[in-house]
Amino acid sequence: MDHKWYIVHTQSGKEFSAKQALEKRLKTDPFAKISDVIVPTYKETVYKDGKKKQLERKSFPGYIYVRMELD
């Protein structure tokens, strides 16, 4: 199998729901050619009102990475 990474444009703010929809399809469709779905994120430390808070932010809002075989 020749799986490659592809970038898929999604509606901004709906990246995780798009990922869940693809993963749900993987479970129901035995012939799905998708092997991996990733929402690229990074952790950022923010100080607000003197308190340290760690946030997880999207590296590329509106995009997800999909590893699949394209036929």
N, C-alpha and C. Protein backbone atom coordinates (compact mmCIF):
# COMPACT_ATOMS: atom_id res chain seq x y z
N MET A 1 0.85 -1.19 0.00
CA MET A 1 0.00 0.00 0.00
C MET A 1 0.88 1.24 0.00
N ASP A 2 0.48 2.22 -0.74
CA ASP A 2 1.24 3.46 -0.85
C ASP A 2 0.45 4.59 -0.19
N HIS A 3 0.54 4.67 1.14
CA HIS A 3 -0.16 5.72 1.87
C HIS A 3 0.70 6.98 1.89
N LYS A 4 0.09 8.11 1.57
CA LYS A 4 0.77 9.40 1.60
C LYS A 4 -0.05 10.37 2.44
N TRP A 5 0.61 11.43 2.91
CA TRP A 5 -0.06 12.46 3.70
C TRP A 5 -0.68 13.50 2.78
N TYR A 6 -1.92 13.89 3.09
CA TYR A 6 -2.63 14.92 2.35
C TYR A 6 -3.18 15.93 3.34
N ILE A 7 -3.28 17.17 2.90
CA ILE A 7 -3.85 18.24 3.72
C ILE A 7 -5.27 18.48 3.23
N VAL A 8 -6.22 18.42 4.16
CA VAL A 8 -7.63 18.58 3.83
C VAL A 8 -8.15 19.86 4.46
N HIS A 9 -8.78 20.69 3.65
CA HIS A 9 -9.34 21.94 4.15
C HIS A 9 -10.71 21.66 4.78
N THR A 10 -10.92 22.16 5.99
CA THR A 10 -12.20 22.01 6.68
C THR A 10 -12.68 23.40 7.11
N GLN A 11 -13.88 23.45 7.59
CA GLN A 11 -14.39 24.70 8.12
C GLN A 11 -13.63 25.03 9.40
N SER A 12 -13.18 26.25 9.54
CA SER A 12 -12.41 26.65 10.70
C SER A 12 -13.23 26.45 11.97
N GLY A 13 -12.63 25.81 12.95
CA GLY A 13 -13.33 25.52 14.20
C GLY A 13 -14.01 24.16 14.19
N LYS A 14 -14.05 23.48 13.06
CA LYS A 14 -14.71 22.17 12.95
C LYS A 14 -13.70 21.06 12.66
N GLU A 15 -12.43 21.29 12.96
CA GLU A 15 -11.39 20.32 12.63
C GLU A 15 -11.59 19.00 13.38
N PHE A 16 -11.90 19.08 14.68
CA PHE A 16 -12.05 17.87 15.48
C PHE A 16 -13.31 17.10 15.10
N SER A 17 -14.38 17.79 14.71
CA SER A 17 -15.58 17.07 14.28
C SER A 17 -15.35 16.41 12.93
N ALA A 18 -14.55 17.02 12.05
CA ALA A 18 -14.21 16.39 10.78
C ALA A 18 -13.35 15.14 11.03
N LYS A 19 -12.43 15.23 11.98
CA LYS A 19 -11.59 14.09 12.34
C LYS A 19 -12.46 12.95 12.87
N GLN A 20 -13.40 13.27 13.74
CA GLN A 20 -14.28 12.26 14.30
C GLN A 20 -15.14 11.60 13.23
N ALA A 21 -15.61 12.38 12.26
CA ALA A 21 -16.42 11.83 11.18
C ALA A 21 -15.61 10.86 10.32
N LEU A 22 -14.36 11.21 10.03
CA LEU A 22 -13.51 10.30 9.26
C LEU A 22 -13.18 9.04 10.04
N GLU A 23 -12.92 9.17 11.34
CA GLU A 23 -12.63 7.99 12.16
C GLU A 23 -13.85 7.09 12.30
N LYS A 24 -15.03 7.68 12.36
CA LYS A 24 -16.26 6.90 12.42
C LYS A 24 -16.45 6.11 11.13
N ARG A 25 -16.12 6.75 10.02
CA ARG A 25 -16.24 6.07 8.73
C ARG A 25 -15.24 4.91 8.64
N LEU A 26 -14.07 5.08 9.22
CA LEU A 26 -13.08 4.00 9.23
C LEU A 26 -13.60 2.76 9.94
N LYS A 27 -14.36 2.97 11.01
CA LYS A 27 -14.88 1.84 11.78
C LYS A 27 -15.99 1.12 11.03
N THR A 28 -16.79 1.84 10.24
CA THR A 28 -17.93 1.23 9.58
C THR A 28 -17.61 0.72 8.18
N ASP A 29 -16.61 1.28 7.52
CA ASP A 29 -16.28 0.89 6.15
C ASP A 29 -15.01 0.06 6.13
N PRO A 30 -15.09 -1.24 5.87
CA PRO A 30 -13.89 -2.08 5.88
C PRO A 30 -12.93 -1.80 4.72
N PHE A 31 -13.40 -1.12 3.69
CA PHE A 31 -12.57 -0.83 2.52
C PHE A 31 -12.03 0.59 2.50
N ALA A 32 -12.12 1.29 3.61
CA ALA A 32 -11.62 2.66 3.68
C ALA A 32 -10.11 2.67 3.49
N LYS A 33 -9.62 3.62 2.75
CA LYS A 33 -8.20 3.69 2.43
C LYS A 33 -7.47 4.70 3.30
N ILE A 34 -8.12 5.17 4.36
CA ILE A 34 -7.52 6.14 5.28
C ILE A 34 -6.86 5.37 6.42
N SER A 35 -5.62 5.75 6.74
CA SER A 35 -4.94 5.06 7.83
C SER A 35 -4.72 5.95 9.04
N ASP A 36 -4.68 7.28 8.86
CA ASP A 36 -4.40 8.19 9.98
C ASP A 36 -5.05 9.55 9.73
N VAL A 37 -5.55 10.18 10.80
CA VAL A 37 -6.11 11.53 10.72
C VAL A 37 -5.54 12.32 11.89
N ILE A 38 -4.95 13.49 11.60
CA ILE A 38 -4.31 14.30 12.64
C ILE A 38 -4.76 15.75 12.53
N VAL A 39 -5.06 16.35 13.68
CA VAL A 39 -5.27 17.80 13.77
C VAL A 39 -3.98 18.35 14.39
N PRO A 40 -3.19 19.11 13.61
CA PRO A 40 -1.92 19.61 14.16
C PRO A 40 -2.15 20.67 15.24
N THR A 41 -1.62 20.41 16.44
CA THR A 41 -1.78 21.32 17.56
C THR A 41 -0.44 21.53 18.26
N TYR A 42 -0.39 22.56 19.08
CA TYR A 42 0.78 22.82 19.92
C TYR A 42 0.29 23.37 21.25
N LYS A 43 1.13 23.25 22.27
CA LYS A 43 0.78 23.74 23.61
C LYS A 43 1.43 25.10 23.83
N GLU A 44 0.66 26.00 24.42
CA GLU A 44 1.13 27.36 24.68
C GLU A 44 0.82 27.72 26.12
N THR A 45 1.79 28.33 26.79
CA THR A 45 1.60 28.77 28.16
C THR A 45 1.20 30.25 28.16
N VAL A 46 0.10 30.56 28.83
CA VAL A 46 -0.43 31.92 28.88
C VAL A 46 -0.56 32.33 30.34
N TYR A 47 -0.19 33.55 30.63
CA TYR A 47 -0.35 34.10 31.98
C TYR A 47 -1.50 35.09 31.96
N LYS A 48 -2.50 34.81 32.79
CA LYS A 48 -3.68 35.67 32.87
C LYS A 48 -4.02 35.87 34.34
N ASP A 49 -4.12 37.12 34.74
CA ASP A 49 -4.42 37.48 36.14
C ASP A 49 -3.40 36.85 37.11
N GLY A 50 -2.16 36.77 36.67
CA GLY A 50 -1.09 36.23 37.51
C GLY A 50 -1.08 34.72 37.63
N LYS A 51 -1.94 34.04 36.87
CA LYS A 51 -2.00 32.58 36.93
C LYS A 51 -1.49 32.00 35.61
N LYS A 52 -0.80 30.91 35.74
CA LYS A 52 -0.25 30.22 34.59
C LYS A 52 -1.27 29.23 34.05
N LYS A 53 -1.53 29.30 32.76
CA LYS A 53 -2.51 28.42 32.14
C LYS A 53 -1.92 27.86 30.86
N GLN A 54 -2.11 26.57 30.62
CA GLN A 54 -1.59 25.96 29.42
C GLN A 54 -2.75 25.67 28.47
N LEU A 55 -2.62 26.18 27.24
CA LEU A 55 -3.64 26.02 26.21
C LEU A 55 -3.12 25.15 25.08
N GLU A 56 -4.03 24.44 24.45
CA GLU A 56 -3.69 23.68 23.26
C GLU A 56 -4.32 24.40 22.06
N ARG A 57 -3.48 24.86 21.17
CA ARG A 57 -3.95 25.63 20.01
C ARG A 57 -3.67 24.88 18.72
N LYS A 58 -4.46 25.18 17.70
CA LYS A 58 -4.28 24.55 16.40
C LYS A 58 -3.16 25.26 15.64
N SER A 59 -2.26 24.48 15.07
CA SER A 59 -1.16 25.04 14.30
C SER A 59 -1.65 25.66 12.99
N PHE A 60 -2.59 24.98 12.34
CA PHE A 60 -3.14 25.44 11.07
C PHE A 60 -4.66 25.37 11.14
N PRO A 61 -5.31 26.42 11.64
CA PRO A 61 -6.77 26.39 11.75
C PRO A 61 -7.42 26.18 10.38
N GLY A 62 -8.39 25.28 10.34
CA GLY A 62 -9.11 25.01 9.11
C GLY A 62 -8.52 23.88 8.28
N TYR A 63 -7.50 23.19 8.81
CA TYR A 63 -6.86 22.10 8.06
C TYR A 63 -6.63 20.89 8.96
N ILE A 64 -6.72 19.71 8.35
CA ILE A 64 -6.36 18.46 9.02
C ILE A 64 -5.45 17.68 8.09
N TYR A 65 -4.63 16.81 8.67
CA TYR A 65 -3.74 15.95 7.89
C TYR A 65 -4.37 14.56 7.82
N VAL A 66 -4.41 14.00 6.62
CA VAL A 66 -4.99 12.67 6.42
C VAL A 66 -3.97 11.81 5.69
N ARG A 67 -3.67 10.67 6.26
CA ARG A 67 -2.78 9.71 5.59
C ARG A 67 -3.64 8.64 4.96
N MET A 68 -3.55 8.54 3.63
CA MET A 68 -4.43 7.61 2.93
C MET A 68 -3.83 7.19 1.60
N GLU A 69 -4.46 6.19 1.02
CA GLU A 69 -4.10 5.75 -0.32
C GLU A 69 -5.09 6.37 -1.28
N LEU A 70 -4.60 7.12 -2.22
CA LEU A 70 -5.46 7.81 -3.19
C LEU A 70 -5.55 6.96 -4.45
N ASP A 71 -6.76 6.63 -4.84
CA ASP A 71 -6.91 5.83 -6.07
C ASP A 71 -7.70 6.57 -7.11
